[in-house]
Protein backbone atom coordinates (compact mmCIF):
# COMPACT_ATOMS: atom_id res chain seq x y z
CA MET A 1 60.85 94.89 95.69
CA THR A 2 63.83 97.01 95.65
CA SER A 3 63.64 100.99 94.47
CA SER A 4 65.22 101.67 91.27
CA SER A 5 66.24 105.23 89.76
CA VAL A 6 68.30 106.08 86.72
CA SER A 7 70.73 108.95 86.27
CA THR A 8 70.10 110.68 83.28
CA THR A 9 73.38 113.09 83.59
CA LEU A 10 76.26 110.54 82.36
CA PRO A 11 77.02 109.99 78.89
CA ALA A 12 73.55 108.46 76.95
CA ASP A 13 74.79 105.04 76.44
CA ILE A 14 75.66 104.57 80.28
CA ARG A 15 72.89 103.63 82.27
CA VAL A 16 73.03 103.56 85.95
CA PHE A 17 70.52 101.89 88.61
CA ASP A 18 70.66 102.32 92.02
CA ARG A 19 69.22 99.53 93.84
CA GLY A 20 69.32 100.69 97.30
CA TRP A 21 71.21 98.65 100.00
CA LEU A 22 70.62 95.38 99.75
CA SER A 23 71.10 95.01 96.05
CA SER A 24 74.55 96.66 94.15
CA THR A 25 73.86 99.28 91.26
CA ASN A 26 73.28 97.94 87.94
CA ILE A 27 75.37 99.57 85.08
CA VAL A 28 74.04 99.33 81.68
CA CYS A 29 76.40 99.99 78.61
CA LEU A 30 74.62 100.39 75.59
CA GLY A 31 75.63 99.32 71.78
CA GLU A 32 75.52 96.88 69.68
CA GLU A 33 76.17 94.25 71.98
CA PRO A 34 74.55 95.78 75.44
CA ALA A 35 76.67 94.87 78.41
CA LEU A 36 75.38 94.89 82.13
CA ILE A 37 78.05 95.90 85.27
CA ASP A 38 77.24 94.07 88.48
CA THR A 39 73.74 92.16 88.84
CA SER A 40 72.41 92.54 92.61
CA TYR A 41 71.55 90.43 95.05
CA VAL A 42 69.36 87.07 94.30
CA LYS A 43 66.68 88.35 96.18
CA HIS A 44 65.84 90.74 93.73
CA GLU A 45 66.87 88.74 90.62
CA VAL A 46 63.33 88.64 88.79
CA GLU A 47 63.51 92.61 89.11
CA THR A 48 66.85 92.91 87.63
CA VAL A 49 65.76 90.75 85.15
CA GLU A 50 62.97 93.25 84.01
CA LEU A 51 64.76 96.09 84.70
CA ILE A 52 67.62 95.15 81.88
CA ARG A 53 64.66 93.80 79.90
CA LYS A 54 62.96 97.19 79.61
CA THR A 55 66.25 99.20 79.20
CA LEU A 56 67.62 96.93 76.20
CA ASN A 57 64.25 97.39 74.68
CA GLY A 58 64.00 94.47 72.65
CA ALA A 59 68.07 93.94 72.25
CA ALA A 60 70.08 90.70 74.13
CA LEU A 61 72.24 91.27 76.33
CA ALA A 62 75.55 90.36 75.19
CA ARG A 63 77.87 90.76 78.06
CA ILE A 64 77.68 90.39 81.78
CA ALA A 65 80.55 91.52 84.05
CA HIS A 66 81.40 92.17 87.92
CA THR A 67 83.69 94.32 89.63
CA HIS A 68 83.70 91.60 92.53
CA LEU A 69 81.72 88.65 93.32
CA HIS A 70 80.06 89.48 96.74
CA SER A 71 76.61 88.32 96.83
CA ASP A 72 74.80 91.74 96.19
CA HIS A 73 76.93 92.48 93.25
CA CYS A 74 76.33 88.92 91.22
CA GLY A 75 73.46 87.39 92.77
CA GLY A 76 71.32 88.20 89.37
CA THR A 77 73.70 86.76 87.20
CA HIS A 78 72.09 83.24 87.25
CA ALA A 79 68.74 84.57 86.04
CA LEU A 80 70.40 86.82 83.29
CA GLN A 81 72.11 84.03 81.83
CA ARG A 82 69.05 81.78 81.70
CA LEU A 83 66.96 84.35 79.52
CA TRP A 84 70.38 85.48 77.56
CA PRO A 85 71.96 82.08 77.75
CA ASN A 86 74.39 83.30 75.02
CA ALA A 87 75.87 86.09 77.22
CA GLN A 88 79.38 86.12 77.81
CA THR A 89 79.90 86.72 81.79
CA TRP A 90 83.42 88.06 82.94
CA VAL A 91 84.60 87.75 86.57
CA PRO A 92 87.66 89.06 88.16
CA GLU A 93 90.75 87.06 87.09
CA ALA A 94 91.82 86.33 90.88
CA SER A 95 88.01 84.67 91.25
CA PHE A 96 87.57 82.86 88.26
CA GLU A 97 88.61 79.72 89.30
CA ALA A 98 86.50 79.69 92.42
CA ALA A 99 83.50 80.83 90.63
CA ARG A 100 84.05 78.16 87.64
CA VAL A 101 84.04 75.31 90.01
CA TRP A 102 81.72 77.46 92.03
CA ASP A 103 83.58 77.23 95.63
CA GLU A 104 81.74 78.67 98.35
CA GLU A 105 83.94 78.85 100.94
CA ALA A 106 86.60 80.98 98.59
CA LEU A 107 83.69 82.85 97.26
CA THR A 108 83.08 83.91 101.01
CA TYR A 109 79.35 83.09 100.70
CA ARG A 110 79.62 80.33 103.80
CA ALA A 111 81.58 82.47 105.97
CA THR A 112 79.38 85.64 105.62
CA GLY A 113 76.06 83.29 105.94
CA GLN A 114 74.79 84.77 102.32
CA ARG A 115 73.45 83.19 99.54
CA CYS A 116 74.15 83.42 95.80
CA ARG A 117 72.86 81.06 93.13
CA ARG A 118 75.45 79.42 91.07
CA PHE A 119 76.24 81.03 87.36
CA ARG A 120 78.81 80.30 84.79
CA ALA A 121 82.01 82.30 84.62
CA ASP A 122 83.46 82.52 80.93
CA HIS A 123 86.36 84.80 81.12
CA ALA A 124 88.68 86.40 83.35
CA MET A 125 89.16 89.84 83.92
CA ALA A 126 93.00 90.57 83.95
CA VAL A 127 94.46 93.76 85.76
CA GLY A 128 95.93 95.68 83.00
CA GLN A 129 93.83 94.66 80.35
CA THR A 130 90.72 96.26 78.61
CA LEU A 131 87.47 95.09 78.25
CA ARG A 132 84.59 96.27 75.64
CA LEU A 133 81.61 96.66 77.51
CA GLY A 134 78.79 98.41 74.94
CA GLU A 135 79.94 100.82 72.79
CA ARG A 136 83.66 101.58 75.32
CA ASP A 137 86.84 100.29 76.22
CA TRP A 138 87.10 100.06 80.14
CA GLN A 139 90.44 99.53 81.63
CA ILE A 140 90.47 97.42 84.30
CA HIS A 141 92.30 98.17 87.44
CA ALA A 142 93.14 96.11 91.20
CA ALA A 143 90.93 97.72 93.59
CA PRO A 144 92.30 95.95 96.95
CA GLY A 145 90.68 96.99 100.25
CA HIS A 146 87.14 95.94 100.69
CA ASP A 147 87.72 92.56 98.54
CA PRO A 148 91.37 91.92 97.87
CA LEU A 149 90.21 90.02 94.75
CA ALA A 150 87.94 93.05 93.18
CA VAL A 151 88.57 95.67 90.28
CA PHE A 152 87.29 98.98 89.30
CA LEU A 153 86.68 99.91 85.50
CA PHE A 154 87.84 103.31 83.88
CA ASP A 155 86.92 104.72 80.62
CA PRO A 156 89.74 107.14 79.62
CA ARG A 157 87.40 108.70 76.76
CA ASP A 158 85.03 110.47 78.82
CA ARG A 159 86.86 109.61 82.21
CA VAL A 160 83.85 107.57 83.84
CA LEU A 161 84.73 105.44 86.68
CA ILE A 162 83.26 102.23 87.77
CA ALA A 163 84.14 101.76 91.66
CA GLY A 164 82.34 99.04 92.79
CA ASP A 165 82.70 98.93 96.65
CA ALA A 166 85.98 100.79 96.36
CA LEU A 167 84.23 103.97 97.00
CA TRP A 168 80.89 105.11 97.84
CA GLU A 169 79.73 109.01 98.54
CA GLN A 170 79.14 108.02 101.97
CA GLY A 171 81.31 105.80 104.22
CA VAL A 172 82.97 102.55 103.09
CA GLY A 173 82.71 99.11 103.08
CA ILE A 174 83.62 96.37 105.17
CA ILE A 175 87.38 95.48 104.95
CA PHE A 176 87.13 91.69 104.53
CA PRO A 177 90.57 90.48 104.42
CA VAL A 178 90.79 92.38 108.18
CA ILE A 179 88.17 89.57 109.10
CA ASP A 180 89.77 86.46 107.79
CA GLY A 181 93.23 87.63 108.87
CA ALA A 182 94.54 87.28 105.35
CA GLY A 183 95.42 91.33 105.00
CA GLY A 184 95.77 92.06 108.60
CA SER A 185 96.63 95.99 108.87
CA ASP A 186 98.16 95.75 105.23
CA ALA A 187 94.38 95.43 104.22
CA PHE A 188 93.56 99.13 105.89
CA ASP A 189 96.86 100.44 103.26
CA ALA A 190 95.41 98.47 100.10
CA PHE A 191 92.37 100.53 100.30
CA GLU A 192 93.98 103.63 101.06
CA GLN A 193 96.37 102.47 97.91
CA THR A 194 93.03 102.14 95.81
CA LEU A 195 91.40 105.46 96.73
CA ASP A 196 94.78 106.86 95.53
CA ALA A 197 94.53 105.13 92.46
CA ILE A 198 91.15 106.42 91.67
CA ALA A 199 91.87 110.12 92.57
CA ALA A 200 95.34 109.63 90.43
CA LEU A 201 93.01 109.19 87.32
CA GLN A 202 91.09 112.38 87.69
CA PRO A 203 87.60 110.44 86.85
CA GLU A 204 84.55 113.16 85.76
CA TRP A 205 82.38 110.52 87.26
CA VAL A 206 82.43 107.84 89.53
CA ILE A 207 79.42 105.27 89.79
CA PRO A 208 79.95 103.43 93.08
CA GLY A 209 78.45 100.11 93.86
CA HIS A 210 75.77 101.67 96.05
CA GLY A 211 74.20 104.96 95.54
CA THR A 212 74.02 107.21 92.67
CA PRO A 213 77.00 108.81 90.50
CA ILE A 214 79.62 111.01 92.05
CA ALA A 215 80.35 113.90 89.95
CA ARG A 216 83.62 115.47 90.09
CA GLY A 217 82.62 119.03 88.97
CA THR A 218 80.42 119.54 91.87
CA GLY A 219 82.99 118.42 94.85
CA ALA A 220 80.90 115.54 95.79
CA LEU A 221 84.00 113.63 94.44
CA GLN A 222 87.00 115.05 96.51
CA ARG A 223 84.86 114.85 99.47
CA ALA A 224 83.55 111.08 99.18
CA LEU A 225 87.55 110.51 98.89
CA ALA A 226 88.18 112.79 102.15
CA GLN A 227 85.60 110.97 104.10
CA ALA A 228 86.91 107.48 102.82
CA ARG A 229 89.86 108.41 103.97
CA SER A 230 89.10 109.48 107.30
CA ARG A 231 87.07 106.42 107.89
CA ILE A 232 90.15 104.18 107.15
CA GLU A 233 92.12 106.12 109.52
CA HIS A 234 89.78 105.47 112.21
CA PHE A 235 89.90 101.82 111.46
CA LYS A 236 93.42 101.42 111.41
CA GLN A 237 93.56 103.10 114.87
CA HIS A 238 90.78 101.50 116.23
CA PRO A 239 90.24 98.11 114.70
CA GLU A 240 88.08 96.94 117.06
CA SER A 241 85.61 99.30 115.89
CA HIS A 242 85.74 97.94 112.43
CA ALA A 243 85.11 94.64 113.86
CA LEU A 244 81.77 96.40 115.43
CA TYR A 245 81.10 98.13 112.44
CA ALA A 246 81.28 94.90 110.04
CA ALA A 247 79.35 92.59 112.75
CA LYS A 248 76.43 95.03 112.54
CA VAL A 249 76.50 95.28 108.64
CA PHE A 250 76.32 91.28 108.60
CA VAL A 251 73.21 91.64 110.62
CA LYS A 252 71.31 94.12 109.23
CA TYR A 253 72.12 92.73 105.78
CA GLU A 254 70.47 89.19 106.62
CA LEU A 255 67.61 91.08 108.45
CA MET A 256 67.45 93.22 104.98
CA ASP A 257 66.95 89.64 103.14
CA ALA A 258 64.96 87.63 105.47
CA GLY A 259 62.38 90.72 106.86
CA HIS A 260 62.22 89.12 110.36
CA ARG A 261 63.60 86.37 112.36
CA THR A 262 62.90 85.53 115.93
CA TRP A 263 65.42 86.25 118.59
CA SER A 264 65.95 82.17 118.22
CA GLU A 265 66.14 81.87 114.20
CA LEU A 266 68.73 85.18 114.37
CA GLY A 267 70.72 83.62 117.02
CA ALA A 268 71.08 80.37 115.35
CA TRP A 269 72.33 82.38 112.04
CA MET A 270 74.79 84.40 114.15
CA ASP A 271 76.18 81.03 115.59
CA ARG A 272 77.02 79.20 112.14
CA THR A 273 78.23 82.47 110.36
CA PRO A 274 82.00 81.72 111.11
CA ASP A 275 82.78 85.23 109.76
CA LEU A 276 81.07 87.13 113.14
CA HIS A 277 82.89 84.54 115.37
CA ARG A 278 86.12 85.82 114.04
CA LEU A 279 84.66 89.44 114.47
CA HIS A 280 83.74 88.76 117.72
CA GLN A 281 87.17 88.06 118.46
CA GLN A 282 88.62 91.15 117.08
CA ALA A 283 85.99 93.23 118.54
CA ALA A 284 85.68 91.96 122.45
CA PRO A 285 87.27 88.69 123.01
CA ALA A 286 86.69 89.02 126.98
CA THR A 287 83.02 89.07 126.42
CA ALA A 288 81.15 85.81 125.64
CA TRP A 289 79.95 85.05 122.69
CA ARG A 290 76.46 84.81 123.47
CA GLU A 291 76.39 88.37 125.44
CA TRP A 292 78.50 90.04 122.32
CA ALA A 293 76.51 88.60 119.55
CA HIS A 294 73.29 90.03 121.53
CA GLY A 295 74.62 93.08 122.02
CA VAL A 296 75.28 93.54 118.15
CA VAL A 297 71.59 92.84 117.43
CA ALA A 298 70.84 95.39 120.55
CA GLY A 299 72.83 97.89 119.32
CA LEU A 300 70.75 97.75 116.04
CA ILE A 301 67.41 97.93 117.68
CA SER A 302 68.46 100.85 119.68
CA LYS A 303 69.88 102.93 116.68
CA GLY A 304 66.30 102.11 115.01
CA ALA A 305 68.09 100.13 112.17
CA LEU A 306 65.94 97.33 113.31
CA ARG A 307 62.59 96.68 115.49
CA ASP A 308 62.04 94.26 118.18
CA ASP A 309 58.26 93.59 118.79
CA GLY A 310 59.16 91.25 122.04
CA THR A 311 59.00 87.83 119.64
CA GLN A 312 60.90 88.66 116.34
CA VAL A 313 63.42 91.03 115.33
CA SER A 314 62.27 92.79 112.14
CA ASN A 315 64.14 95.06 109.44
CA VAL A 316 63.47 98.94 109.48
């Protein structure tokens, strides 16, 4: 089970559930037609359904929207659609066709070695338009960087911004366009431009894709933006460090999902995960694949992020 906590400091019609690091934050917008933004990971879909059911207190979920379609942000959508089949589902316009035909290559699930149950995509979220979720009209903004196809949502009335993985209070997400080569070093610049766009809107609250809401008045938002910019600048200067960071995140996420793997099972999963091979070439191409892959896992064990009991590697 994943932990859940609710913020009570935002406007009363917005409920935020911090689900930890395997699953994304869930944002419920209450009203005559309740809506949910981001649905967490498939491993926690039963808990997600129960959490939303209790929050709606007998009402039907009317709309589902996604900041982007990484598996930890849309893994509960299938189960939610089963319970509420009339709930209309929105995805970013750039991902709409891939979601409609369920192209797992384009959706990155095969490349990252992650899983997501197929769901129905009904509508595209176009940048520059607004989307009614709950009692609010949310502006749709492009959020390239972590995911080149992502969006963030902004409510100009109370200046609440739903960031997805465009901004966290601590650290930054993997910059996926760097991994597949589609964005190159420009992807780091795109991430910085997204941070600039967030700052220019001067939100009072930022709801990140992972973690609790970030309040402008406390100085936390300014610190988060500064830390993110610093981290991106470091990655720009040392792209090999981004590659190693991303590889560790991939392995940690797999163990958070699976719980434990034998060394053989974990090695086989790494062997068949294309993005890890790309990261190897970016981080240490002169090092043999097996040696590098073992070093990624050993590094996580030495930091206490994973545990090795001699026969299997487990999440901590």
